[in-house]
Amino acid sequence: MGQPILINIENISKRFSRSLKHSLWYGIQDLGQEMLGMSKDTNTLRPSEFWALKDVSLQVKQGESIGLMGHNGAGKTTLLKLINGLIKPSAGKITVTGSVRALIALGTGFNPILTGRENILISGAIFGLSNREMRNLYDEIVEFSELGEFIDTPVQSYSSGMLARLGFSVAIHTWPDIFLIDEVLAVGDLNFAIKCYRKISEFRSQGGVIVLVTHNPYAIRTNCDRAIWLEHGKIQKDGDANEVCGAYEQFVAQENKVPGEKHFVDDNIENIEVVHPEIINSGDALDIEIKIRTRRPIENPILTLSISNVSTHVLISNIFSAEKTKINNDAVFRIRYENLNLVRGIYYISLTVSDTYINNQLAALLNTYKFEVRTPAEDYGVGMFKLAPQWELETNGIIVKKSSVGIYE
């Protein structure tokens, strides 16, 4: 017998109005029709309305960890609010079995004029826990949140990071069956985020369900076993986290310019061109050719070349300084990366050209050129590089070697 289904979503749709005036009127109409037992037209949009979600169906079983991804406005937060019962679907049915805790917005559920201590105890009552149960959990919650002396300060004076600490600590330590998280961990510091993800791992190991909304594919790959890609209110892909993240990253790279793209070329450079393959297999060599045509000589040229992922995190950066060298008219620089063992995905090349000093830039082409790294369909990986280390195990004075894939030699 398989794991029980804790979230069952059947053909749900949710529509909103862009107009506050229309929204209030439609709300009154819908409420009146519901009270009178009249049927509602749930398939047609009224003036100023749009579909936030349309015909979405999915099931989440006990112990599953789901990552939701998609562009802003794709319907991710709307789906969390529907699961949490904050809003009702326009059509379809949602069945949630078990207790739910949600971190959908900072400070949600907290009374701003009460202290952190008072909000902890009140949250317990809202969650159906007794005063004794919350007092038993209190020290653990405060210790995890690291709020210390601020715990007796009204939460209206808390920073966004402090609110995230308090909200996460209360929610996770009351051990719900389902934990909904919407980007709030992004406002905390790195150390606290690491603590949170460790706690999430512990929560998962004990059978809890996690539904995580984030724009960070790495967070989904490392914390979720399944991912759902939403776009324009519809599910584009649902499956293995690595596979869905890879498909989403490729889509983003192909459909949009990467954030942070910049293009600057000084008048002293007539033309600059970067030639590279559009597709390579992981482990292949990557050859890049930089062609520069100048209007005047460049003394001691300095080239900086870097490779970034779709999140614009720099993975590789190299500087080439041609001291006591002058380039004039046409010049070609070539760089070769042997065995580029990047994992599957889309990557961007950035280039700067300087004269004598690295700060004296004549050209800056940031995240302007892209290429794709491919791997076998079943080989995705979680990190950024595919490396092949040699493992060695020593037990009772006997050394047993293992290959990079963990198979005994």
Protein backbone atom coordinates (compact mmCIF):
# COMPACT_ATOMS: atom_id res chain seq x y z
CA MET A 1 0.00 0.00 0.00
CA GLY A 2 1.42 3.38 -1.00
CA GLN A 3 1.80 6.53 1.02
CA PRO A 4 -1.47 8.35 1.88
CA ILE A 5 -2.42 11.41 -0.19
CA LEU A 6 -2.38 14.54 1.98
CA ILE A 7 -3.17 17.08 -0.76
CA ASN A 8 -5.59 16.24 -3.57
CA ILE A 9 -6.29 18.98 -6.11
CA GLU A 10 -8.89 18.28 -8.78
CA ASN A 11 -9.28 20.64 -11.74
CA ILE A 12 -9.10 23.82 -9.71
CA SER A 13 -9.31 27.25 -11.29
CA LYS A 14 -9.03 30.65 -9.68
CA ARG A 15 -9.96 33.95 -11.28
CA PHE A 16 -9.26 37.46 -10.02
CA SER A 17 -10.35 40.90 -11.13
CA ARG A 18 -7.86 43.63 -11.98
CA SER A 19 -10.40 46.22 -10.81
CA LEU A 20 -11.13 46.65 -7.10
CA LYS A 21 -14.59 47.98 -7.89
CA HIS A 22 -15.45 44.99 -10.06
CA SER A 23 -13.84 42.61 -7.57
CA LEU A 24 -16.10 43.78 -4.73
CA TRP A 25 -19.20 43.58 -6.90
CA TYR A 26 -18.32 40.09 -8.19
CA GLY A 27 -17.69 38.97 -4.62
CA ILE A 28 -21.16 40.09 -3.56
CA GLN A 29 -22.71 38.37 -6.59
CA ASP A 30 -20.88 35.09 -5.91
CA LEU A 31 -21.79 35.17 -2.22
CA GLY A 32 -25.45 35.81 -3.03
CA GLN A 33 -25.58 32.98 -5.56
CA GLU A 34 -23.92 30.63 -3.08
CA MET A 35 -26.40 31.51 -0.31
CA LEU A 36 -29.34 31.00 -2.67
CA GLY A 37 -27.97 27.71 -3.95
CA MET A 38 -27.74 29.01 -7.49
CA SER A 39 -25.25 27.56 -9.93
CA LYS A 40 -22.34 29.79 -10.96
CA ASP A 41 -20.63 30.10 -14.32
CA THR A 42 -17.10 29.08 -13.35
CA ASN A 43 -15.70 28.77 -16.86
CA THR A 44 -16.23 32.29 -18.19
CA LEU A 45 -14.25 35.39 -17.34
CA ARG A 46 -16.21 38.53 -16.53
CA PRO A 47 -14.97 42.02 -17.50
CA SER A 48 -11.53 42.86 -16.00
CA GLU A 49 -11.01 39.26 -14.78
CA PHE A 50 -8.11 36.91 -15.53
CA TRP A 51 -7.21 33.34 -14.67
CA ALA A 52 -4.56 33.04 -11.94
CA LEU A 53 -4.92 29.24 -12.15
CA LYS A 54 -6.77 27.19 -14.75
CA ASP A 55 -7.67 23.47 -14.55
CA VAL A 56 -4.81 22.49 -12.22
CA SER A 57 -4.77 18.93 -10.87
CA LEU A 58 -2.14 17.26 -8.70
CA GLN A 59 -1.68 14.99 -5.71
CA VAL A 60 0.91 15.22 -2.95
CA LYS A 61 1.64 12.15 -0.85
CA GLN A 62 2.96 11.92 2.68
CA GLY A 63 6.71 12.49 2.81
CA GLU A 64 6.91 14.26 -0.54
CA SER A 65 8.79 17.53 -0.94
CA ILE A 66 7.48 19.67 -3.80
CA GLY A 67 9.12 22.72 -5.34
CA LEU A 68 6.95 25.21 -7.25
CA MET A 69 8.66 27.35 -9.89
CA GLY A 70 7.67 29.75 -12.62
CA HIS A 71 7.74 33.41 -13.53
CA ASN A 72 6.17 36.07 -11.32
CA GLY A 73 2.41 35.83 -11.80
CA ALA A 74 2.54 32.16 -12.80
CA GLY A 75 0.12 31.20 -9.99
CA LYS A 76 2.51 29.74 -7.40
CA THR A 77 1.44 31.83 -4.41
CA THR A 78 -2.22 31.55 -5.41
CA LEU A 79 -1.87 27.77 -5.30
CA LEU A 80 -0.33 27.92 -1.81
CA LYS A 81 -3.14 30.16 -0.58
CA LEU A 82 -5.72 27.74 -1.95
CA ILE A 83 -4.04 24.79 -0.22
CA ASN A 84 -3.90 26.79 3.02
CA GLY A 85 -7.58 27.72 2.76
CA LEU A 86 -6.94 31.48 2.67
CA ILE A 87 -8.94 31.77 -0.54
CA LYS A 88 -11.53 29.58 -2.26
CA PRO A 89 -11.19 28.20 -5.78
CA SER A 90 -13.50 29.54 -8.47
CA ALA A 91 -13.93 25.97 -9.71
CA GLY A 92 -12.67 22.53 -8.78
CA LYS A 93 -12.02 20.82 -5.47
CA ILE A 94 -9.15 20.71 -2.95
CA THR A 95 -8.93 18.11 -0.21
CA VAL A 96 -6.24 18.60 2.45
CA THR A 97 -5.68 15.96 5.09
CA GLY A 98 -3.77 16.91 8.22
CA SER A 99 -2.52 20.11 9.83
CA VAL A 100 -1.04 22.91 7.72
CA ARG A 101 1.46 25.64 8.55
CA ALA A 102 2.21 28.35 6.00
CA LEU A 103 4.88 31.00 5.56
CA ILE A 104 3.35 32.84 2.63
CA ALA A 105 4.01 36.43 3.69
CA LEU A 106 6.26 37.91 6.36
CA GLY A 107 4.45 38.58 9.60
CA THR A 108 1.25 36.83 8.55
CA GLY A 109 -0.64 35.73 11.65
CA PHE A 110 1.42 37.90 14.01
CA ASN A 111 -0.09 40.78 15.97
CA PRO A 112 2.32 43.68 15.38
CA ILE A 113 1.77 45.33 18.77
CA LEU A 114 2.46 42.12 20.72
CA THR A 115 5.92 40.83 21.54
CA GLY A 116 7.56 37.84 19.95
CA ARG A 117 6.94 35.84 23.14
CA GLU A 118 3.23 36.67 23.13
CA ASN A 119 2.88 35.89 19.43
CA ILE A 120 4.51 32.48 19.92
CA LEU A 121 1.95 31.52 22.58
CA ILE A 122 -0.98 32.91 20.58
CA SER A 123 0.18 31.03 17.47
CA GLY A 124 0.05 27.80 19.46
CA ALA A 125 -3.57 28.47 20.38
CA ILE A 126 -4.40 29.18 16.74
CA PHE A 127 -2.74 25.88 15.74
CA GLY A 128 -4.83 24.02 18.32
CA LEU A 129 -2.02 23.36 20.79
CA SER A 130 -2.50 23.75 24.50
CA ASN A 131 -0.76 26.44 26.51
CA ARG A 132 1.34 23.75 28.21
CA GLU A 133 2.41 22.28 24.87
CA MET A 134 3.53 25.68 23.59
CA ARG A 135 5.39 26.48 26.78
CA ASN A 136 7.25 23.19 26.42
CA LEU A 137 8.22 24.19 22.88
CA TYR A 138 8.93 27.84 23.72
CA ASP A 139 12.63 27.58 24.61
CA GLU A 140 13.37 25.50 21.52
CA ILE A 141 11.55 27.98 19.27
CA VAL A 142 13.39 30.99 20.71
CA GLU A 143 16.76 29.25 20.57
CA PHE A 144 16.28 28.28 16.94
CA SER A 145 15.09 31.77 15.94
CA GLU A 146 18.18 33.38 17.54
CA LEU A 147 16.05 36.39 18.52
CA GLY A 148 17.35 36.35 22.09
CA GLU A 149 16.79 39.69 23.80
CA PHE A 150 14.42 40.82 21.04
CA ILE A 151 11.84 38.17 21.91
CA ASP A 152 10.14 40.60 24.33
CA THR A 153 10.05 43.40 21.75
CA PRO A 154 6.86 44.13 19.75
CA VAL A 155 7.13 42.44 16.36
CA GLN A 156 6.22 45.69 14.56
CA SER A 157 9.84 46.72 15.18
CA TYR A 158 11.26 43.50 13.71
CA SER A 159 13.19 43.52 10.46
CA SER A 160 12.07 41.27 7.61
CA GLY A 161 14.81 38.81 8.54
CA MET A 162 13.67 38.69 12.15
CA LEU A 163 10.07 38.09 11.07
CA ALA A 164 11.24 35.23 8.86
CA ARG A 165 13.16 33.71 11.78
CA LEU A 166 10.18 33.89 14.11
CA GLY A 167 7.65 32.65 11.56
CA PHE A 168 9.75 29.69 10.44
CA SER A 169 10.69 28.71 14.00
CA VAL A 170 7.09 28.69 15.21
CA ALA A 171 5.78 26.82 12.16
CA ILE A 172 8.43 24.09 11.98
CA HIS A 173 8.57 23.36 15.73
CA THR A 174 4.83 22.75 15.95
CA TRP A 175 5.37 19.80 13.55
CA PRO A 176 2.50 20.13 11.07
CA ASP A 177 1.66 17.48 8.51
CA ILE A 178 2.09 20.01 5.67
CA PHE A 179 4.48 22.97 5.57
CA LEU A 180 4.00 25.67 2.90
CA ILE A 181 6.89 28.09 2.27
CA ASP A 182 6.81 31.01 -0.16
CA GLU A 183 10.24 32.65 -0.67
CA VAL A 184 10.41 33.99 2.89
CA LEU A 185 13.74 32.28 3.61
CA ALA A 186 15.34 34.47 0.94
CA VAL A 187 15.29 37.46 3.31
CA GLY A 188 17.27 35.75 6.07
CA ASP A 189 21.02 35.54 6.40
CA LEU A 190 22.94 32.58 4.98
CA ASN A 191 23.60 30.82 8.30
CA PHE A 192 19.95 30.91 9.28
CA ALA A 193 18.88 29.71 5.82
CA ILE A 194 21.22 26.72 6.21
CA LYS A 195 19.67 25.95 9.59
CA CYS A 196 16.21 26.14 8.06
CA TYR A 197 17.06 23.74 5.25
CA ARG A 198 18.56 21.28 7.75
CA LYS A 199 15.34 21.46 9.75
CA ILE A 200 13.34 20.96 6.57
CA SER A 201 15.40 17.83 5.85
CA GLU A 202 14.64 16.53 9.33
CA PHE A 203 10.96 17.34 8.83
CA ARG A 204 10.92 15.46 5.52
CA SER A 205 12.62 12.41 7.02
CA GLN A 206 9.78 12.13 9.53
CA GLY A 207 7.11 12.06 6.83
CA GLY A 208 6.16 15.73 6.62
CA VAL A 209 5.07 17.31 3.34
CA ILE A 210 6.93 20.40 2.10
CA VAL A 211 5.63 22.69 -0.64
CA LEU A 212 8.35 25.25 -1.41
CA VAL A 213 8.00 28.26 -3.71
CA THR A 214 11.31 29.76 -4.79
CA HIS A 215 13.03 31.25 -7.82
CA ASN A 216 16.22 29.42 -6.89
CA PRO A 217 16.45 26.10 -8.79
CA TYR A 218 19.38 25.03 -6.58
CA ALA A 219 17.15 25.25 -3.47
CA ILE A 220 14.57 23.03 -5.19
CA ARG A 221 17.17 20.53 -6.40
CA THR A 222 18.65 20.15 -2.92
CA ASN A 223 15.45 20.22 -0.86
CA CYS A 224 12.77 18.71 -3.09
CA ASP A 225 12.36 15.35 -4.77
CA ARG A 226 9.65 16.66 -7.10
CA ALA A 227 9.10 19.96 -8.88
CA ILE A 228 6.14 21.57 -10.62
CA TRP A 229 6.64 24.28 -13.21
CA LEU A 230 3.69 26.68 -13.48
CA GLU A 231 3.27 29.21 -16.28
CA HIS A 232 0.24 31.44 -16.87
CA GLY A 233 -1.77 29.48 -14.32
CA LYS A 234 -1.18 26.07 -15.89
CA ILE A 235 1.19 23.21 -15.12
CA GLN A 236 3.92 23.02 -17.76
CA LYS A 237 5.84 20.13 -16.25
CA ASP A 238 5.53 17.93 -13.16
CA GLY A 239 8.16 15.37 -12.22
CA ASP A 240 11.66 14.76 -10.92
CA ALA A 241 13.10 17.97 -9.42
CA ASN A 242 16.33 17.85 -11.43
CA GLU A 243 14.51 17.24 -14.70
CA VAL A 244 11.92 19.99 -14.19
CA CYS A 245 14.53 22.52 -13.01
CA GLY A 246 16.63 21.79 -16.09
CA ALA A 247 13.66 22.29 -18.41
CA TYR A 248 12.68 25.53 -16.68
CA GLU A 249 16.22 26.95 -16.80
CA GLN A 250 16.46 26.13 -20.49
CA PHE A 251 13.12 27.81 -21.17
CA VAL A 252 14.10 30.94 -19.25
CA ALA A 253 17.42 31.18 -21.08
CA GLN A 254 15.84 30.73 -24.50
CA GLU A 255 12.83 32.99 -24.02
CA ASN A 256 14.33 35.86 -22.07
CA LYS A 257 17.47 37.91 -21.70
CA VAL A 258 19.33 36.96 -18.56
CA PRO A 259 19.00 39.50 -15.71
CA GLY A 260 21.99 41.78 -15.52
CA GLU A 261 22.83 41.71 -19.22
CA LYS A 262 24.90 44.76 -20.19
CA HIS A 263 26.65 45.77 -23.36
CA PHE A 264 29.22 48.57 -23.50
CA VAL A 265 31.83 49.19 -26.21
CA ASP A 266 34.11 52.24 -26.28
CA ASP A 267 34.42 54.26 -29.51
CA ASN A 268 38.05 53.15 -29.78
CA ILE A 269 36.84 49.64 -30.61
CA GLU A 270 35.22 49.36 -34.01
CA ASN A 271 33.93 45.81 -33.57
CA ILE A 272 34.12 42.94 -31.10
CA GLU A 273 32.88 39.41 -31.66
CA VAL A 274 32.85 36.34 -29.43
CA VAL A 275 32.70 33.02 -31.29
CA HIS A 276 31.81 29.85 -29.39
CA PRO A 277 29.78 26.65 -29.84
CA GLU A 278 26.12 26.90 -28.96
CA ILE A 279 25.97 23.34 -27.58
CA ILE A 280 28.58 21.10 -25.96
CA ASN A 281 28.42 17.86 -24.02
CA SER A 282 29.54 17.90 -20.41
CA GLY A 283 33.22 16.95 -20.33
CA ASP A 284 33.95 18.28 -23.82
CA ALA A 285 36.40 21.08 -24.49
CA LEU A 286 35.03 24.60 -24.86
CA ASP A 287 36.84 26.81 -27.39
CA ILE A 288 36.14 30.55 -27.37
CA GLU A 289 37.50 33.01 -29.93
CA ILE A 290 37.44 36.77 -29.34
CA LYS A 291 37.84 38.95 -32.43
CA ILE A 292 38.59 42.63 -31.90
CA ARG A 293 38.93 45.40 -34.50
CA THR A 294 40.34 48.63 -33.10
CA ARG A 295 40.36 52.24 -34.30
CA ARG A 296 43.55 52.98 -32.41
CA PRO A 297 46.29 50.82 -30.84
CA ILE A 298 45.58 49.27 -27.44
CA GLU A 299 48.61 49.04 -25.14
CA ASN A 300 48.93 46.05 -22.82
CA PRO A 301 45.42 44.66 -23.39
CA ILE A 302 43.75 42.82 -20.51
CA LEU A 303 40.86 40.42 -21.12
CA THR A 304 38.63 39.07 -18.36
CA LEU A 305 36.35 36.19 -19.32
CA SER A 306 33.82 34.56 -17.01
CA ILE A 307 31.12 31.89 -17.25
CA SER A 308 27.90 32.21 -15.23
CA ASN A 309 24.77 30.13 -14.72
CA VAL A 310 21.23 31.35 -15.38
CA SER A 311 21.11 32.89 -11.90
CA THR A 312 24.13 35.04 -12.94
CA HIS A 313 26.38 33.36 -10.36
CA VAL A 314 29.93 33.40 -11.69
CA LEU A 315 31.33 29.86 -11.86
CA ILE A 316 34.57 30.45 -13.76
CA SER A 317 36.63 33.62 -14.19
CA ASN A 318 40.01 34.07 -15.88
CA ILE A 319 42.20 37.09 -16.67
CA PHE A 320 44.61 37.26 -19.60
CA SER A 321 47.13 40.11 -19.47
CA ALA A 322 49.24 40.72 -22.58
CA GLU A 323 51.95 42.87 -21.03
CA LYS A 324 54.35 44.78 -23.30
CA THR A 325 52.06 44.00 -26.22
CA LYS A 326 50.23 46.31 -28.56
CA ILE A 327 47.26 45.31 -30.67
CA ASN A 328 46.21 47.34 -33.68
CA ASN A 329 43.50 46.94 -36.31
CA ASP A 330 42.57 43.23 -36.06
CA ALA A 331 43.41 40.87 -33.21
CA VAL A 332 42.15 37.44 -32.21
CA PHE A 333 42.32 35.99 -28.70
CA ARG A 334 41.64 32.30 -28.15
CA ILE A 335 40.85 30.50 -24.91
CA ARG A 336 40.26 26.77 -24.46
CA TYR A 337 38.75 24.98 -21.47
CA GLU A 338 39.66 21.31 -21.55
CA ASN A 339 37.11 18.86 -20.11
CA LEU A 340 34.49 21.41 -19.08
CA ASN A 341 32.54 19.23 -16.66
CA LEU A 342 29.58 21.51 -16.04
CA VAL A 343 26.23 19.89 -15.27
CA ARG A 344 23.38 20.14 -17.74
CA GLY A 345 22.03 23.65 -18.24
CA ILE A 346 22.33 27.04 -19.91
CA TYR A 347 25.43 29.18 -19.24
CA TYR A 348 26.47 32.72 -20.12
CA ILE A 349 29.82 34.18 -21.16
CA SER A 350 30.88 37.64 -20.02
CA LEU A 351 33.86 39.55 -21.38
CA THR A 352 35.66 42.76 -20.50
CA VAL A 353 38.51 44.34 -22.47
CA SER A 354 40.81 46.83 -20.73
CA ASP A 355 43.76 48.98 -21.73
CA THR A 356 46.86 48.68 -19.44
CA TYR A 357 44.80 48.70 -16.21
CA ILE A 358 41.89 46.38 -15.47
CA ASN A 359 39.71 49.33 -14.43
CA ASN A 360 40.31 51.12 -17.72
CA GLN A 361 37.63 49.17 -19.60
CA LEU A 362 37.10 49.64 -23.32
CA ALA A 363 34.38 46.99 -23.59
CA ALA A 364 32.10 45.17 -21.17
CA LEU A 365 29.83 42.46 -22.54
CA LEU A 366 28.12 40.98 -19.51
CA ASN A 367 25.99 37.82 -19.79
CA THR A 368 25.72 38.50 -23.52
CA TYR A 369 26.67 35.13 -25.03
CA LYS A 370 25.10 31.83 -24.04
CA PHE A 371 25.74 28.14 -24.63
CA GLU A 372 24.10 24.92 -23.55
CA VAL A 373 25.72 21.97 -21.80
CA ARG A 374 24.04 18.63 -22.39
CA THR A 375 24.25 15.37 -20.49
CA PRO A 376 22.43 12.03 -20.79
CA ALA A 377 18.75 12.31 -19.92
CA GLU A 378 19.18 10.50 -16.60
CA ASP A 379 22.27 12.48 -15.57
CA TYR A 380 21.36 15.84 -14.04
CA GLY A 381 23.42 16.43 -10.92
CA VAL A 382 22.78 18.87 -8.08
CA GLY A 383 25.94 20.99 -8.03
CA MET A 384 27.49 22.99 -10.84
CA PHE A 385 30.35 20.71 -11.88
CA LYS A 386 30.62 17.02 -12.67
CA LEU A 387 33.88 15.96 -11.07
CA ALA A 388 35.28 12.43 -10.79
CA PRO A 389 37.08 12.11 -7.45
CA GLN A 390 38.81 8.92 -6.32
CA TRP A 391 37.31 7.62 -3.11
CA GLU A 392 39.39 5.69 -0.61
CA LEU A 393 38.15 3.84 2.46
CA GLU A 394 40.42 2.57 5.21
CA THR A 395 38.97 0.17 7.75
CA ASN A 396 40.95 -1.87 10.28
CA GLY A 397 44.15 -0.84 8.54
CA ILE A 398 43.00 -2.15 5.16
CA ILE A 399 42.53 0.35 2.33
CA VAL A 400 39.66 -0.30 -0.03
CA LYS A 401 39.56 1.92 -3.12
CA LYS A 402 36.40 2.98 -4.86
CA SER A 403 35.85 4.54 -8.24
CA SER A 404 34.23 7.95 -8.73
CA VAL A 405 30.81 6.33 -9.08
CA GLY A 406 31.16 4.47 -5.79
CA ILE A 407 31.70 0.96 -7.19
CA TYR A 408 34.38 -1.25 -5.66
CA GLU A 409 37.36 -1.79 -7.92
